[in-house]
N, C-alpha and C. Protein backbone atom coordinates (compact mmCIF):
# COMPACT_ATOMS: atom_id res chain seq x y z
N UNK A 1 44.87 68.92 75.89
CA UNK A 1 45.90 69.54 75.10
C UNK A 1 45.25 70.16 73.86
N UNK A 2 45.66 71.38 73.55
CA UNK A 2 45.13 72.10 72.41
C UNK A 2 46.04 71.94 71.21
N UNK A 3 45.43 71.73 70.05
CA UNK A 3 46.21 71.60 68.82
C UNK A 3 46.39 72.97 68.20
N UNK A 4 47.54 73.21 67.65
CA UNK A 4 47.84 74.48 67.00
C UNK A 4 47.46 74.39 65.53
N UNK A 5 46.83 75.43 65.00
CA UNK A 5 46.42 75.44 63.61
C UNK A 5 47.65 75.52 62.71
N UNK A 6 47.62 74.77 61.62
CA UNK A 6 48.71 74.77 60.66
C UNK A 6 48.47 75.82 59.59
N UNK A 7 49.52 76.35 59.05
CA UNK A 7 49.42 77.28 57.92
C UNK A 7 49.32 78.72 58.36
N UNK A 8 49.50 79.62 57.40
CA UNK A 8 49.47 81.05 57.73
C UNK A 8 48.05 81.53 57.98
N UNK A 9 47.92 82.49 58.85
CA UNK A 9 46.62 83.12 59.09
C UNK A 9 46.71 84.55 58.61
N UNK A 10 45.65 85.02 58.00
CA UNK A 10 45.64 86.38 57.46
C UNK A 10 44.86 87.29 58.39
N UNK A 11 45.44 88.40 58.72
CA UNK A 11 44.75 89.40 59.54
C UNK A 11 43.79 90.17 58.64
N UNK A 12 42.63 90.51 59.15
CA UNK A 12 41.70 91.27 58.31
C UNK A 12 42.27 92.66 58.00
N UNK A 13 42.03 93.11 56.76
CA UNK A 13 42.51 94.44 56.36
C UNK A 13 41.58 95.49 56.94
N UNK A 14 42.13 96.53 57.55
CA UNK A 14 41.26 97.59 58.04
C UNK A 14 40.63 98.34 56.88
N UNK A 15 39.38 98.66 57.02
CA UNK A 15 38.67 99.40 55.98
C UNK A 15 39.12 100.85 56.05
N UNK A 16 39.78 101.31 55.01
CA UNK A 16 40.33 102.67 55.01
C UNK A 16 39.23 103.71 55.11
N UNK A 17 38.08 103.45 54.50
CA UNK A 17 36.98 104.42 54.57
C UNK A 17 36.48 104.56 56.00
N UNK A 18 36.35 103.44 56.71
CA UNK A 18 35.86 103.49 58.09
C UNK A 18 36.83 104.22 59.00
N UNK A 19 38.13 103.96 58.86
CA UNK A 19 39.08 104.62 59.74
C UNK A 19 39.17 106.11 59.40
N UNK A 20 38.97 106.47 58.14
CA UNK A 20 38.98 107.89 57.77
C UNK A 20 37.79 108.61 58.38
N UNK A 21 36.63 107.98 58.39
CA UNK A 21 35.45 108.59 58.96
C UNK A 21 35.52 108.65 60.49
N UNK A 22 36.20 107.68 61.12
CA UNK A 22 36.38 107.70 62.57
C UNK A 22 37.09 108.98 63.02
N UNK A 23 38.03 109.44 62.23
CA UNK A 23 38.78 110.64 62.56
C UNK A 23 37.91 111.89 62.41
N UNK A 24 36.91 111.82 61.55
CA UNK A 24 36.08 112.99 61.24
C UNK A 24 35.09 113.36 62.33
N UNK A 25 34.56 112.41 63.06
CA UNK A 25 33.47 112.66 63.99
C UNK A 25 33.98 112.65 65.43
N UNK A 26 33.74 113.75 66.13
CA UNK A 26 34.04 113.77 67.57
C UNK A 26 32.71 113.85 68.31
N UNK A 27 32.68 113.24 69.47
CA UNK A 27 31.44 113.25 70.25
C UNK A 27 31.72 113.47 71.72
N UNK A 28 30.80 114.16 72.35
CA UNK A 28 30.82 114.34 73.80
C UNK A 28 29.39 114.19 74.29
N UNK A 29 29.24 113.80 75.53
CA UNK A 29 27.91 113.62 76.10
C UNK A 29 27.95 113.98 77.58
N UNK A 30 26.83 114.52 78.06
CA UNK A 30 26.76 114.91 79.47
C UNK A 30 25.31 115.13 79.88
N UNK A 31 25.10 115.11 81.17
CA UNK A 31 23.80 115.43 81.74
C UNK A 31 23.74 116.93 82.02
N UNK A 32 22.52 117.49 81.94
CA UNK A 32 22.34 118.90 82.23
C UNK A 32 20.98 119.10 82.86
N UNK A 33 20.93 119.91 83.91
CA UNK A 33 19.67 120.24 84.57
C UNK A 33 19.32 121.69 84.26
N UNK A 34 18.08 121.91 83.86
CA UNK A 34 17.58 123.26 83.61
C UNK A 34 16.26 123.40 84.35
N UNK A 35 16.29 124.18 85.41
CA UNK A 35 15.08 124.32 86.23
C UNK A 35 14.71 122.99 86.85
N UNK A 36 13.48 122.54 86.63
CA UNK A 36 13.04 121.26 87.19
C UNK A 36 13.17 120.11 86.19
N UNK A 37 13.81 120.36 85.06
CA UNK A 37 13.94 119.34 84.02
C UNK A 37 15.40 118.91 83.89
N UNK A 38 15.60 117.63 83.54
CA UNK A 38 16.93 117.09 83.34
C UNK A 38 17.04 116.57 81.90
N UNK A 39 18.22 116.73 81.31
CA UNK A 39 18.45 116.32 79.94
C UNK A 39 19.78 115.58 79.83
N UNK A 40 19.86 114.70 78.85
CA UNK A 40 21.11 114.08 78.45
C UNK A 40 21.40 114.59 77.05
N UNK A 41 22.57 115.18 76.86
CA UNK A 41 22.90 115.85 75.60
C UNK A 41 24.13 115.18 74.98
N UNK A 42 23.98 114.78 73.71
CA UNK A 42 25.08 114.23 72.92
C UNK A 42 25.44 115.26 71.86
N UNK A 43 26.71 115.64 71.79
CA UNK A 43 27.19 116.61 70.81
C UNK A 43 28.06 115.87 69.80
N UNK A 44 27.68 115.95 68.52
CA UNK A 44 28.47 115.37 67.45
C UNK A 44 29.03 116.50 66.60
N UNK A 45 30.31 116.40 66.26
CA UNK A 45 30.95 117.45 65.46
C UNK A 45 31.73 116.81 64.32
N UNK A 46 31.52 117.34 63.12
CA UNK A 46 32.21 116.88 61.92
C UNK A 46 33.47 117.72 61.73
N UNK A 47 34.62 117.07 61.63
CA UNK A 47 35.88 117.78 61.46
C UNK A 47 36.48 117.60 60.07
N UNK A 48 35.67 117.08 59.13
CA UNK A 48 36.15 116.85 57.77
C UNK A 48 35.29 117.61 56.77
N UNK A 49 35.73 117.63 55.52
CA UNK A 49 35.04 118.38 54.48
C UNK A 49 34.07 117.51 53.68
N UNK A 50 33.27 116.72 54.37
CA UNK A 50 32.23 115.93 53.72
C UNK A 50 31.02 115.89 54.63
N UNK A 51 29.83 115.95 54.04
CA UNK A 51 28.61 115.86 54.84
C UNK A 51 28.46 114.45 55.38
N UNK A 52 27.99 114.35 56.62
CA UNK A 52 27.87 113.07 57.28
C UNK A 52 26.50 112.96 57.93
N UNK A 53 25.89 111.79 57.79
CA UNK A 53 24.60 111.51 58.42
C UNK A 53 24.84 110.48 59.52
N UNK A 54 24.41 110.81 60.74
CA UNK A 54 24.64 109.93 61.89
C UNK A 54 23.32 109.55 62.56
N UNK A 55 23.20 108.28 62.88
CA UNK A 55 22.10 107.81 63.72
C UNK A 55 22.64 107.72 65.14
N UNK A 56 21.93 108.30 66.09
CA UNK A 56 22.36 108.34 67.48
C UNK A 56 21.38 107.52 68.32
N UNK A 57 21.91 106.64 69.13
CA UNK A 57 21.11 105.83 70.05
C UNK A 57 21.63 106.07 71.46
N UNK A 58 20.71 106.24 72.42
CA UNK A 58 21.13 106.46 73.80
C UNK A 58 20.25 105.63 74.74
N UNK A 59 20.87 105.07 75.76
CA UNK A 59 20.18 104.32 76.80
C UNK A 59 20.71 104.85 78.13
N UNK A 60 19.84 105.49 78.89
CA UNK A 60 20.25 106.13 80.14
C UNK A 60 19.56 105.42 81.30
N UNK A 61 20.36 105.04 82.31
CA UNK A 61 19.81 104.44 83.52
C UNK A 61 20.11 105.35 84.70
N UNK A 62 19.06 105.70 85.43
CA UNK A 62 19.20 106.55 86.61
C UNK A 62 18.52 105.86 87.79
N UNK A 63 18.59 106.50 88.92
CA UNK A 63 17.94 105.97 90.11
C UNK A 63 16.42 105.93 89.97
N UNK A 64 15.89 106.71 89.04
CA UNK A 64 14.44 106.76 88.84
C UNK A 64 13.96 106.02 87.59
N UNK A 65 14.81 105.22 87.00
CA UNK A 65 14.36 104.44 85.85
C UNK A 65 15.23 104.63 84.63
N UNK A 66 14.77 104.03 83.54
CA UNK A 66 15.54 104.00 82.31
C UNK A 66 14.84 104.82 81.23
N UNK A 67 15.64 105.49 80.39
CA UNK A 67 15.14 106.25 79.25
C UNK A 67 15.97 105.88 78.04
N UNK A 68 15.29 105.61 76.93
CA UNK A 68 15.99 105.30 75.68
C UNK A 68 15.56 106.28 74.60
N UNK A 69 16.46 106.56 73.68
CA UNK A 69 16.13 107.47 72.59
C UNK A 69 16.94 107.18 71.34
N UNK A 70 16.45 107.70 70.22
CA UNK A 70 17.08 107.51 68.92
C UNK A 70 16.80 108.73 68.05
N UNK A 71 17.77 109.15 67.28
CA UNK A 71 17.58 110.27 66.37
C UNK A 71 18.59 110.16 65.23
N UNK A 72 18.32 110.88 64.15
CA UNK A 72 19.24 110.98 63.02
C UNK A 72 19.60 112.45 62.83
N UNK A 73 20.89 112.73 62.72
CA UNK A 73 21.35 114.10 62.50
C UNK A 73 22.25 114.12 61.27
N UNK A 74 22.20 115.22 60.53
CA UNK A 74 23.07 115.42 59.37
C UNK A 74 24.03 116.55 59.72
N UNK A 75 25.31 116.23 59.63
CA UNK A 75 26.36 117.19 59.95
C UNK A 75 26.94 117.74 58.65
N UNK A 76 26.99 119.05 58.54
CA UNK A 76 27.57 119.70 57.36
C UNK A 76 29.09 119.55 57.40
N UNK A 77 29.73 119.93 56.32
CA UNK A 77 31.19 119.92 56.27
C UNK A 77 31.75 120.94 57.26
N UNK A 78 32.97 120.73 57.67
CA UNK A 78 33.62 121.58 58.67
C UNK A 78 33.60 123.05 58.25
N UNK A 79 33.74 123.31 56.95
CA UNK A 79 33.78 124.69 56.47
C UNK A 79 32.45 125.42 56.62
N UNK A 80 31.36 124.69 56.92
CA UNK A 80 30.05 125.31 57.10
C UNK A 80 29.90 125.95 58.48
N UNK A 81 30.89 125.82 59.32
CA UNK A 81 30.86 126.46 60.64
C UNK A 81 29.96 125.74 61.63
N UNK A 82 28.98 126.46 62.17
CA UNK A 82 28.13 125.92 63.22
C UNK A 82 27.29 124.73 62.75
N UNK A 83 27.02 124.62 61.46
CA UNK A 83 26.22 123.50 60.94
C UNK A 83 26.96 122.17 61.02
N UNK A 84 28.27 122.21 61.27
CA UNK A 84 29.06 121.00 61.39
C UNK A 84 28.93 120.37 62.77
N UNK A 85 28.20 121.02 63.67
CA UNK A 85 28.00 120.49 65.02
C UNK A 85 26.50 120.43 65.30
N UNK A 86 26.04 119.27 65.78
CA UNK A 86 24.62 119.09 66.12
C UNK A 86 24.51 118.47 67.50
N UNK A 87 23.40 118.81 68.17
CA UNK A 87 23.08 118.27 69.49
C UNK A 87 21.92 117.30 69.38
N UNK A 88 22.02 116.22 70.12
CA UNK A 88 20.88 115.33 70.32
C UNK A 88 20.53 115.42 71.80
N UNK A 89 19.34 115.91 72.10
CA UNK A 89 18.93 116.13 73.48
C UNK A 89 17.81 115.16 73.83
N UNK A 90 17.96 114.48 74.95
CA UNK A 90 16.99 113.51 75.43
C UNK A 90 16.59 113.89 76.85
N UNK A 91 15.30 114.04 77.08
CA UNK A 91 14.84 114.37 78.43
C UNK A 91 14.90 113.12 79.30
N UNK A 92 15.50 113.25 80.48
CA UNK A 92 15.65 112.13 81.41
C UNK A 92 15.03 112.50 82.75
N UNK A 93 14.94 111.53 83.64
CA UNK A 93 14.27 111.75 84.92
C UNK A 93 15.17 112.42 85.96
N UNK A 94 16.48 112.15 85.88
CA UNK A 94 17.43 112.71 86.84
C UNK A 94 18.69 113.11 86.07
N UNK A 95 19.32 114.22 86.45
CA UNK A 95 20.54 114.68 85.79
C UNK A 95 21.75 113.97 86.37
N UNK A 96 21.88 112.70 86.09
CA UNK A 96 23.01 111.90 86.56
C UNK A 96 22.66 110.44 86.47
N UNK A 97 23.64 109.62 86.24
CA UNK A 97 23.40 108.19 86.12
C UNK A 97 24.41 107.57 85.18
N UNK A 98 24.00 106.48 84.56
CA UNK A 98 24.88 105.79 83.63
C UNK A 98 24.26 105.84 82.24
N UNK A 99 25.06 106.19 81.25
CA UNK A 99 24.57 106.32 79.88
C UNK A 99 25.40 105.47 78.94
N UNK A 100 24.71 104.85 78.01
CA UNK A 100 25.35 104.12 76.92
C UNK A 100 24.92 104.80 75.63
N UNK A 101 25.89 105.18 74.82
CA UNK A 101 25.61 105.92 73.59
C UNK A 101 26.29 105.23 72.43
N UNK A 102 25.59 105.16 71.32
CA UNK A 102 26.15 104.62 70.09
C UNK A 102 25.77 105.56 68.96
N UNK A 103 26.69 105.82 68.05
CA UNK A 103 26.33 106.55 66.85
C UNK A 103 26.94 105.83 65.65
N UNK A 104 26.14 105.74 64.60
CA UNK A 104 26.54 105.07 63.38
C UNK A 104 26.47 106.10 62.28
N UNK A 105 27.62 106.45 61.72
CA UNK A 105 27.69 107.54 60.74
C UNK A 105 28.11 107.04 59.38
N UNK A 106 27.63 107.73 58.35
CA UNK A 106 28.05 107.44 56.98
C UNK A 106 28.08 108.74 56.20
N UNK A 107 28.87 108.73 55.15
CA UNK A 107 28.96 109.92 54.29
C UNK A 107 27.60 110.11 53.65
N UNK A 108 27.09 111.32 53.72
CA UNK A 108 25.75 111.62 53.24
C UNK A 108 25.80 111.98 51.77
N UNK A 109 25.02 111.27 50.96
CA UNK A 109 24.94 111.58 49.55
C UNK A 109 26.02 110.94 48.70
N UNK A 110 26.84 110.06 49.25
CA UNK A 110 27.88 109.41 48.48
C UNK A 110 27.32 108.14 47.83
N UNK A 111 27.85 107.81 46.66
CA UNK A 111 27.39 106.61 45.98
C UNK A 111 27.89 105.37 46.71
N UNK A 112 29.08 105.42 47.27
CA UNK A 112 29.60 104.32 48.06
C UNK A 112 29.46 104.69 49.52
N UNK A 113 28.78 103.86 50.28
CA UNK A 113 28.53 104.17 51.69
C UNK A 113 29.76 103.83 52.51
N UNK A 114 30.23 104.81 53.28
CA UNK A 114 31.30 104.59 54.23
C UNK A 114 30.69 104.79 55.61
N UNK A 115 30.77 103.82 56.46
CA UNK A 115 30.15 103.97 57.76
C UNK A 115 31.03 103.37 58.84
N UNK A 116 30.76 103.78 60.07
CA UNK A 116 31.46 103.21 61.21
C UNK A 116 30.54 103.29 62.41
N UNK A 117 30.57 102.29 63.26
CA UNK A 117 29.84 102.39 64.52
C UNK A 117 30.78 102.88 65.60
N UNK A 118 30.22 103.61 66.53
CA UNK A 118 30.99 104.07 67.68
C UNK A 118 30.17 103.76 68.93
N UNK A 119 30.78 103.14 69.87
CA UNK A 119 30.10 102.72 71.09
C UNK A 119 30.73 103.41 72.28
N UNK A 120 29.96 103.67 73.28
CA UNK A 120 30.54 104.26 74.47
C UNK A 120 29.66 104.05 75.68
N UNK A 121 30.27 103.99 76.80
CA UNK A 121 29.54 103.93 78.06
C UNK A 121 30.09 105.03 78.93
N UNK A 122 29.22 105.79 79.51
CA UNK A 122 29.63 106.94 80.29
C UNK A 122 28.99 106.82 81.67
N UNK A 123 29.77 106.95 82.71
CA UNK A 123 29.24 106.98 84.06
C UNK A 123 29.47 108.37 84.63
N UNK A 124 28.40 109.03 85.01
CA UNK A 124 28.50 110.37 85.56
C UNK A 124 27.74 110.40 86.87
N UNK A 125 28.35 110.93 87.88
CA UNK A 125 27.71 111.00 89.20
C UNK A 125 27.29 112.41 89.50
């Protein structure tokens, strides 16, 4: 038999800075073959008016083995146009497989750091 805890329990308060930054960054990822080479491409786009620095981590598993990569990209504010979108390209052995991607972003140049992690698993055949 399980005992029930007595007294009120407090739910954690969501960090407003983290949820605001979650809305700012959109990401897409896909495999691409060019000639005899295969790549895994992660596209990060900033949709807010603040510069953002993101660390991108990728782990790709294919029929021919595993490839891991890491990079840091700085995304300009949305009003900067094309500079608000950056690509992280990782050369892989086969254009297809299973990919796990994580990006951790924070406001670039701010005195108070606002950051959020984003995790994803993508299966592409």
